[in-house]
Amino acid sequence: MTSDQGTLSSYSNLSKNCGIIVGNDNSIPIRGYGHTTLSPPHPPLVLKNTLHAPNLIKNLVSVRKFITDNWVSVNFDPFGFSVKDFKTGIPLMRCNSMGELYSTTSTSQAMLSTFFALAHSLWHARLGHP
């Protein structure tokens, strides 16, 4: 879910009033949905059918949907989380997090190093090249 409609491609408005209950038991309206990707320096990981909720304070990701849409695994630890290609086990992303939520906004040197260490052949395979 995101509050920023501008980050969504293939946007569709909802034809009826819908809402979602958030952690404090309040309902916030859902206006539509679309697709987006995690922004660089991450590899292109898609977030399909992302809900647009203008009143949302923090963007939220369904881990279950994220791992099935991208065929990845996510490992959480006390310091953050890692995303790995499910078939190869190759690390795709490492995000160090502080506070109560696991965040993808970190731009630490370690995360950039992980990104640039991806195998050239993996990029070709992801782009459909032999």
N, C-alpha and C. Protein backbone atom coordinates (compact mmCIF):
# COMPACT_ATOMS: atom_id res chain seq x y z
N MET A 1 0.84 -1.18 0.00
CA MET A 1 0.00 0.00 0.00
C MET A 1 0.88 1.23 0.00
N THR A 2 0.43 2.25 -0.70
CA THR A 2 1.16 3.51 -0.76
C THR A 2 0.18 4.67 -0.76
N SER A 3 0.64 5.82 -0.28
CA SER A 3 -0.17 7.03 -0.34
C SER A 3 0.13 7.83 -1.61
N ASP A 4 1.18 7.47 -2.32
CA ASP A 4 1.65 8.23 -3.48
C ASP A 4 1.22 7.57 -4.79
N GLN A 5 0.15 8.08 -5.38
CA GLN A 5 -0.36 7.52 -6.64
C GLN A 5 0.68 7.65 -7.75
N GLY A 6 1.55 8.64 -7.67
CA GLY A 6 2.55 8.87 -8.70
C GLY A 6 3.57 7.75 -8.84
N THR A 7 3.69 6.89 -7.84
CA THR A 7 4.64 5.78 -7.92
C THR A 7 4.05 4.56 -8.60
N LEU A 8 2.77 4.62 -8.96
CA LEU A 8 2.08 3.45 -9.51
C LEU A 8 1.90 3.56 -11.02
N SER A 9 2.23 2.49 -11.74
CA SER A 9 1.95 2.42 -13.17
C SER A 9 0.71 1.56 -13.36
N SER A 10 0.12 1.62 -14.53
CA SER A 10 -1.10 0.86 -14.84
C SER A 10 -2.15 1.08 -13.76
N TYR A 11 -2.37 2.35 -13.41
CA TYR A 11 -3.28 2.69 -12.31
C TYR A 11 -4.73 2.48 -12.71
N SER A 12 -5.51 1.92 -11.79
CA SER A 12 -6.95 1.74 -11.98
C SER A 12 -7.68 2.27 -10.76
N ASN A 13 -8.69 3.10 -11.00
CA ASN A 13 -9.54 3.57 -9.91
C ASN A 13 -10.48 2.46 -9.48
N LEU A 14 -10.83 2.43 -8.20
CA LEU A 14 -11.84 1.48 -7.73
C LEU A 14 -13.21 2.05 -8.01
N SER A 15 -14.15 1.22 -8.45
CA SER A 15 -15.48 1.68 -8.80
C SER A 15 -16.40 1.83 -7.59
N LYS A 16 -16.01 1.27 -6.46
CA LYS A 16 -16.82 1.39 -5.25
C LYS A 16 -15.95 1.86 -4.10
N ASN A 17 -16.58 2.35 -3.05
CA ASN A 17 -15.84 2.80 -1.88
C ASN A 17 -15.32 1.60 -1.11
N CYS A 18 -14.01 1.56 -0.93
CA CYS A 18 -13.37 0.49 -0.17
C CYS A 18 -12.45 1.11 0.86
N GLY A 19 -12.21 0.38 1.91
CA GLY A 19 -11.30 0.84 2.94
C GLY A 19 -10.53 -0.34 3.50
N ILE A 20 -9.52 -0.03 4.26
CA ILE A 20 -8.74 -1.06 4.92
C ILE A 20 -8.56 -0.65 6.38
N ILE A 21 -8.64 -1.62 7.27
CA ILE A 21 -8.45 -1.37 8.70
C ILE A 21 -6.96 -1.42 9.00
N VAL A 22 -6.44 -0.36 9.62
CA VAL A 22 -5.02 -0.31 9.97
C VAL A 22 -4.83 -0.62 11.45
N GLY A 23 -3.58 -0.60 11.90
CA GLY A 23 -3.21 -1.05 13.24
C GLY A 23 -3.95 -0.41 14.39
N ASN A 24 -4.41 0.83 14.25
CA ASN A 24 -5.13 1.49 15.34
C ASN A 24 -6.65 1.31 15.22
N ASP A 25 -7.08 0.34 14.41
CA ASP A 25 -8.49 0.01 14.17
C ASP A 25 -9.27 1.08 13.40
N ASN A 26 -8.60 2.06 12.84
CA ASN A 26 -9.26 3.04 11.98
C ASN A 26 -9.31 2.50 10.56
N SER A 27 -10.31 2.94 9.81
CA SER A 27 -10.44 2.56 8.41
C SER A 27 -9.93 3.72 7.55
N ILE A 28 -9.08 3.41 6.58
CA ILE A 28 -8.63 4.43 5.64
C ILE A 28 -9.10 4.03 4.25
N PRO A 29 -9.51 5.01 3.44
CA PRO A 29 -10.05 4.70 2.12
C PRO A 29 -8.99 4.24 1.13
N ILE A 30 -9.38 3.30 0.27
CA ILE A 30 -8.56 2.84 -0.85
C ILE A 30 -9.16 3.44 -2.11
N ARG A 31 -8.37 4.17 -2.89
CA ARG A 31 -8.86 4.85 -4.09
C ARG A 31 -8.63 4.06 -5.37
N GLY A 32 -7.59 3.21 -5.39
CA GLY A 32 -7.27 2.47 -6.60
C GLY A 32 -6.09 1.56 -6.36
N TYR A 33 -5.51 1.09 -7.46
CA TYR A 33 -4.35 0.19 -7.36
C TYR A 33 -3.54 0.27 -8.65
N GLY A 34 -2.30 -0.19 -8.57
CA GLY A 34 -1.41 -0.20 -9.72
C GLY A 34 -0.17 -1.03 -9.41
N HIS A 35 0.83 -0.94 -10.26
CA HIS A 35 2.06 -1.69 -10.08
C HIS A 35 3.21 -0.72 -9.84
N THR A 36 4.21 -1.18 -9.10
CA THR A 36 5.41 -0.39 -8.86
C THR A 36 6.59 -1.33 -8.66
N THR A 37 7.78 -0.78 -8.61
CA THR A 37 8.98 -1.57 -8.33
C THR A 37 9.74 -0.88 -7.21
N LEU A 38 10.59 -1.64 -6.53
CA LEU A 38 11.47 -1.03 -5.54
C LEU A 38 12.48 -0.19 -6.30
N SER A 39 12.70 1.02 -5.83
CA SER A 39 13.59 1.94 -6.54
C SER A 39 15.05 1.57 -6.34
N PRO A 40 15.92 2.03 -7.27
CA PRO A 40 17.35 1.73 -7.15
C PRO A 40 17.85 2.17 -5.77
N PRO A 41 18.86 1.53 -5.21
CA PRO A 41 19.80 0.64 -5.87
C PRO A 41 19.39 -0.82 -5.90
N HIS A 42 18.14 -1.14 -5.69
CA HIS A 42 17.71 -2.53 -5.66
C HIS A 42 17.58 -3.10 -7.06
N PRO A 43 17.71 -4.42 -7.21
CA PRO A 43 17.36 -5.05 -8.49
C PRO A 43 15.87 -4.83 -8.75
N PRO A 44 15.42 -4.98 -9.97
CA PRO A 44 14.01 -4.72 -10.27
C PRO A 44 13.10 -5.78 -9.66
N LEU A 45 12.52 -5.45 -8.52
CA LEU A 45 11.56 -6.32 -7.84
C LEU A 45 10.20 -5.65 -7.91
N VAL A 46 9.21 -6.35 -8.43
CA VAL A 46 7.90 -5.77 -8.70
C VAL A 46 6.98 -5.90 -7.49
N LEU A 47 6.14 -4.89 -7.33
CA LEU A 47 5.07 -4.91 -6.33
C LEU A 47 3.77 -4.77 -7.12
N LYS A 48 3.12 -5.90 -7.41
CA LYS A 48 1.92 -5.92 -8.25
C LYS A 48 0.67 -5.57 -7.43
N ASN A 49 -0.30 -4.95 -8.10
CA ASN A 49 -1.58 -4.62 -7.49
C ASN A 49 -1.42 -3.93 -6.14
N THR A 50 -0.56 -2.92 -6.12
CA THR A 50 -0.33 -2.13 -4.91
C THR A 50 -1.51 -1.20 -4.70
N LEU A 51 -2.08 -1.23 -3.51
CA LEU A 51 -3.23 -0.39 -3.19
C LEU A 51 -2.81 1.06 -2.99
N HIS A 52 -3.65 1.99 -3.46
CA HIS A 52 -3.42 3.42 -3.27
C HIS A 52 -4.35 3.90 -2.16
N ALA A 53 -3.75 4.26 -1.01
CA ALA A 53 -4.49 4.77 0.15
C ALA A 53 -3.92 6.15 0.48
N PRO A 54 -4.56 7.23 0.01
CA PRO A 54 -4.00 8.58 0.17
C PRO A 54 -3.69 8.97 1.62
N ASN A 55 -4.40 8.42 2.59
CA ASN A 55 -4.20 8.80 3.99
C ASN A 55 -3.17 7.94 4.71
N LEU A 56 -2.54 7.04 4.01
CA LEU A 56 -1.56 6.15 4.62
C LEU A 56 -0.31 6.95 5.01
N ILE A 57 0.22 6.70 6.20
CA ILE A 57 1.40 7.43 6.68
C ILE A 57 2.69 6.76 6.22
N LYS A 58 2.75 5.43 6.25
CA LYS A 58 3.92 4.67 5.83
C LYS A 58 3.51 3.69 4.73
N ASN A 59 4.34 3.52 3.72
CA ASN A 59 4.09 2.48 2.72
C ASN A 59 4.22 1.12 3.39
N LEU A 60 3.35 0.20 3.05
CA LEU A 60 3.36 -1.14 3.64
C LEU A 60 3.39 -2.18 2.54
N VAL A 61 4.11 -3.28 2.78
CA VAL A 61 4.24 -4.37 1.81
C VAL A 61 3.78 -5.67 2.44
N SER A 62 2.97 -6.43 1.71
CA SER A 62 2.61 -7.79 2.12
C SER A 62 3.79 -8.68 1.75
N VAL A 63 4.47 -9.21 2.77
CA VAL A 63 5.65 -10.04 2.51
C VAL A 63 5.24 -11.28 1.72
N ARG A 64 4.13 -11.89 2.06
CA ARG A 64 3.66 -13.10 1.36
C ARG A 64 3.48 -12.82 -0.14
N LYS A 65 2.81 -11.73 -0.47
CA LYS A 65 2.58 -11.38 -1.87
C LYS A 65 3.90 -11.03 -2.58
N PHE A 66 4.77 -10.31 -1.89
CA PHE A 66 6.07 -9.92 -2.45
C PHE A 66 6.91 -11.14 -2.81
N ILE A 67 6.96 -12.13 -1.92
CA ILE A 67 7.81 -13.30 -2.20
C ILE A 67 7.23 -14.19 -3.29
N THR A 68 5.90 -14.28 -3.38
CA THR A 68 5.31 -15.12 -4.43
C THR A 68 5.35 -14.41 -5.79
N ASP A 69 5.18 -13.10 -5.82
CA ASP A 69 5.25 -12.36 -7.09
C ASP A 69 6.66 -12.33 -7.67
N ASN A 70 7.67 -12.32 -6.81
CA ASN A 70 9.06 -12.18 -7.27
C ASN A 70 9.89 -13.44 -7.16
N TRP A 71 9.32 -14.50 -6.60
CA TRP A 71 10.01 -15.78 -6.41
C TRP A 71 11.32 -15.56 -5.66
N VAL A 72 11.18 -14.93 -4.48
CA VAL A 72 12.32 -14.64 -3.60
C VAL A 72 12.02 -15.16 -2.21
N SER A 73 13.04 -15.19 -1.37
CA SER A 73 12.84 -15.47 0.05
C SER A 73 13.25 -14.22 0.83
N VAL A 74 12.63 -14.02 1.98
CA VAL A 74 12.95 -12.89 2.84
C VAL A 74 13.32 -13.44 4.21
N ASN A 75 14.47 -13.03 4.71
CA ASN A 75 14.93 -13.45 6.03
C ASN A 75 15.04 -12.23 6.93
N PHE A 76 14.31 -12.25 8.06
CA PHE A 76 14.33 -11.16 9.02
C PHE A 76 15.29 -11.49 10.15
N ASP A 77 15.97 -10.47 10.64
CA ASP A 77 16.81 -10.62 11.83
C ASP A 77 16.64 -9.36 12.67
N PRO A 78 17.24 -9.30 13.86
CA PRO A 78 17.05 -8.12 14.72
C PRO A 78 17.57 -6.81 14.12
N PHE A 79 18.40 -6.88 13.09
CA PHE A 79 19.02 -5.68 12.53
C PHE A 79 18.44 -5.26 11.19
N GLY A 80 17.59 -6.07 10.58
CA GLY A 80 17.03 -5.75 9.29
C GLY A 80 16.54 -6.99 8.59
N PHE A 81 16.64 -6.99 7.26
CA PHE A 81 16.20 -8.15 6.50
C PHE A 81 17.00 -8.28 5.21
N SER A 82 16.97 -9.50 4.66
CA SER A 82 17.64 -9.81 3.40
C SER A 82 16.64 -10.42 2.44
N VAL A 83 16.79 -10.12 1.16
CA VAL A 83 15.98 -10.72 0.11
C VAL A 83 16.93 -11.51 -0.78
N LYS A 84 16.57 -12.77 -1.05
CA LYS A 84 17.40 -13.64 -1.88
C LYS A 84 16.56 -14.25 -2.99
N ASP A 85 17.20 -14.48 -4.14
CA ASP A 85 16.57 -15.21 -5.22
C ASP A 85 16.26 -16.61 -4.71
N PHE A 86 15.01 -17.05 -4.84
CA PHE A 86 14.60 -18.33 -4.26
C PHE A 86 15.29 -19.51 -4.91
N LYS A 87 15.48 -19.47 -6.23
CA LYS A 87 16.08 -20.60 -6.94
C LYS A 87 17.58 -20.72 -6.70
N THR A 88 18.28 -19.58 -6.69
CA THR A 88 19.74 -19.62 -6.62
C THR A 88 20.30 -19.31 -5.24
N GLY A 89 19.51 -18.66 -4.39
CA GLY A 89 19.99 -18.24 -3.08
C GLY A 89 20.88 -17.01 -3.13
N ILE A 90 21.01 -16.40 -4.31
CA ILE A 90 21.85 -15.21 -4.46
C ILE A 90 21.19 -14.02 -3.76
N PRO A 91 21.93 -13.31 -2.90
CA PRO A 91 21.37 -12.12 -2.24
C PRO A 91 21.05 -11.03 -3.25
N LEU A 92 19.85 -10.48 -3.15
CA LEU A 92 19.42 -9.40 -4.04
C LEU A 92 19.39 -8.06 -3.33
N MET A 93 19.16 -8.09 -2.00
CA MET A 93 19.00 -6.85 -1.27
C MET A 93 19.21 -7.12 0.22
N ARG A 94 19.83 -6.19 0.89
CA ARG A 94 19.97 -6.20 2.35
C ARG A 94 19.58 -4.82 2.84
N CYS A 95 18.64 -4.76 3.76
CA CYS A 95 18.22 -3.49 4.34
C CYS A 95 18.37 -3.54 5.84
N ASN A 96 19.16 -2.64 6.38
CA ASN A 96 19.28 -2.50 7.82
C ASN A 96 18.16 -1.59 8.29
N SER A 97 17.50 -1.96 9.39
CA SER A 97 16.33 -1.24 9.85
C SER A 97 16.47 -0.87 11.32
N MET A 98 15.91 0.28 11.66
CA MET A 98 15.85 0.71 13.06
C MET A 98 14.40 1.04 13.37
N GLY A 99 14.03 0.98 14.62
CA GLY A 99 12.67 1.31 15.00
C GLY A 99 11.78 0.09 14.93
N GLU A 100 10.48 0.33 14.83
CA GLU A 100 9.50 -0.75 14.90
C GLU A 100 9.17 -1.39 13.57
N LEU A 101 9.53 -0.76 12.45
CA LEU A 101 9.21 -1.30 11.14
C LEU A 101 10.49 -1.66 10.39
N TYR A 102 10.39 -2.66 9.53
CA TYR A 102 11.49 -3.00 8.63
C TYR A 102 11.36 -2.10 7.41
N SER A 103 12.40 -1.33 7.13
CA SER A 103 12.34 -0.32 6.10
C SER A 103 13.25 -0.65 4.92
N THR A 104 12.86 -0.19 3.72
CA THR A 104 13.70 -0.36 2.53
C THR A 104 14.39 0.94 2.15
N THR A 105 14.35 1.94 3.00
CA THR A 105 14.89 3.25 2.63
C THR A 105 16.37 3.39 2.90
N SER A 106 17.01 2.39 3.48
CA SER A 106 18.43 2.47 3.79
C SER A 106 19.25 2.52 2.51
N THR A 107 20.25 3.38 2.49
CA THR A 107 21.16 3.44 1.35
C THR A 107 22.59 3.21 1.83
N SER A 108 22.75 2.30 2.76
CA SER A 108 24.08 2.05 3.32
C SER A 108 25.03 1.51 2.26
N GLN A 109 26.32 1.70 2.49
CA GLN A 109 27.34 1.20 1.57
C GLN A 109 27.26 -0.31 1.45
N ALA A 110 26.92 -1.00 2.55
CA ALA A 110 26.83 -2.46 2.50
C ALA A 110 25.74 -2.89 1.53
N MET A 111 24.61 -2.18 1.53
CA MET A 111 23.53 -2.54 0.63
C MET A 111 23.94 -2.26 -0.82
N LEU A 112 24.61 -1.14 -1.05
CA LEU A 112 25.08 -0.84 -2.40
C LEU A 112 26.07 -1.89 -2.88
N SER A 113 26.93 -2.35 -1.97
CA SER A 113 27.90 -3.38 -2.33
C SER A 113 27.20 -4.67 -2.71
N THR A 114 26.15 -5.03 -1.97
CA THR A 114 25.39 -6.23 -2.29
C THR A 114 24.77 -6.10 -3.67
N PHE A 115 24.22 -4.93 -3.97
CA PHE A 115 23.58 -4.71 -5.26
C PHE A 115 24.58 -4.86 -6.40
N PHE A 116 25.74 -4.23 -6.28
CA PHE A 116 26.71 -4.27 -7.35
C PHE A 116 27.44 -5.59 -7.45
N ALA A 117 27.32 -6.45 -6.43
CA ALA A 117 27.99 -7.74 -6.45
C ALA A 117 27.17 -8.80 -7.19
N LEU A 118 25.98 -8.46 -7.66
CA LEU A 118 25.15 -9.42 -8.38
C LEU A 118 25.86 -9.90 -9.64
N ALA A 119 25.70 -11.17 -9.91
CA ALA A 119 26.35 -11.77 -11.07
C ALA A 119 25.79 -11.20 -12.36
N HIS A 120 26.67 -10.96 -13.32
CA HIS A 120 26.29 -10.47 -14.64
C HIS A 120 25.28 -11.41 -15.29
N SER A 121 25.48 -12.72 -15.12
CA SER A 121 24.58 -13.71 -15.72
C SER A 121 23.18 -13.63 -15.12
N LEU A 122 23.06 -13.26 -13.84
CA LEU A 122 21.74 -13.12 -13.23
C LEU A 122 20.96 -11.99 -13.89
N TRP A 123 21.63 -10.86 -14.15
CA TRP A 123 20.95 -9.76 -14.82
C TRP A 123 20.48 -10.17 -16.22
N HIS A 124 21.32 -10.88 -16.95
CA HIS A 124 20.91 -11.34 -18.28
C HIS A 124 19.72 -12.28 -18.19
N ALA A 125 19.73 -13.18 -17.23
CA ALA A 125 18.61 -14.12 -17.06
C ALA A 125 17.33 -13.37 -16.70
N ARG A 126 17.41 -12.38 -15.81
CA ARG A 126 16.23 -11.61 -15.41
C ARG A 126 15.66 -10.82 -16.59
N LEU A 127 16.52 -10.39 -17.50
CA LEU A 127 16.07 -9.63 -18.66
C LEU A 127 15.68 -10.52 -19.84
N GLY A 128 15.74 -11.83 -19.65
CA GLY A 128 15.33 -12.76 -20.69
C GLY A 128 16.38 -13.03 -21.74
N HIS A 129 17.62 -12.65 -21.48
CA HIS A 129 18.70 -12.91 -22.43
C HIS A 129 19.35 -14.25 -22.12
N PRO A 130 19.88 -14.93 -23.14
CA PRO A 130 20.55 -16.22 -22.88
C PRO A 130 21.85 -16.05 -22.13
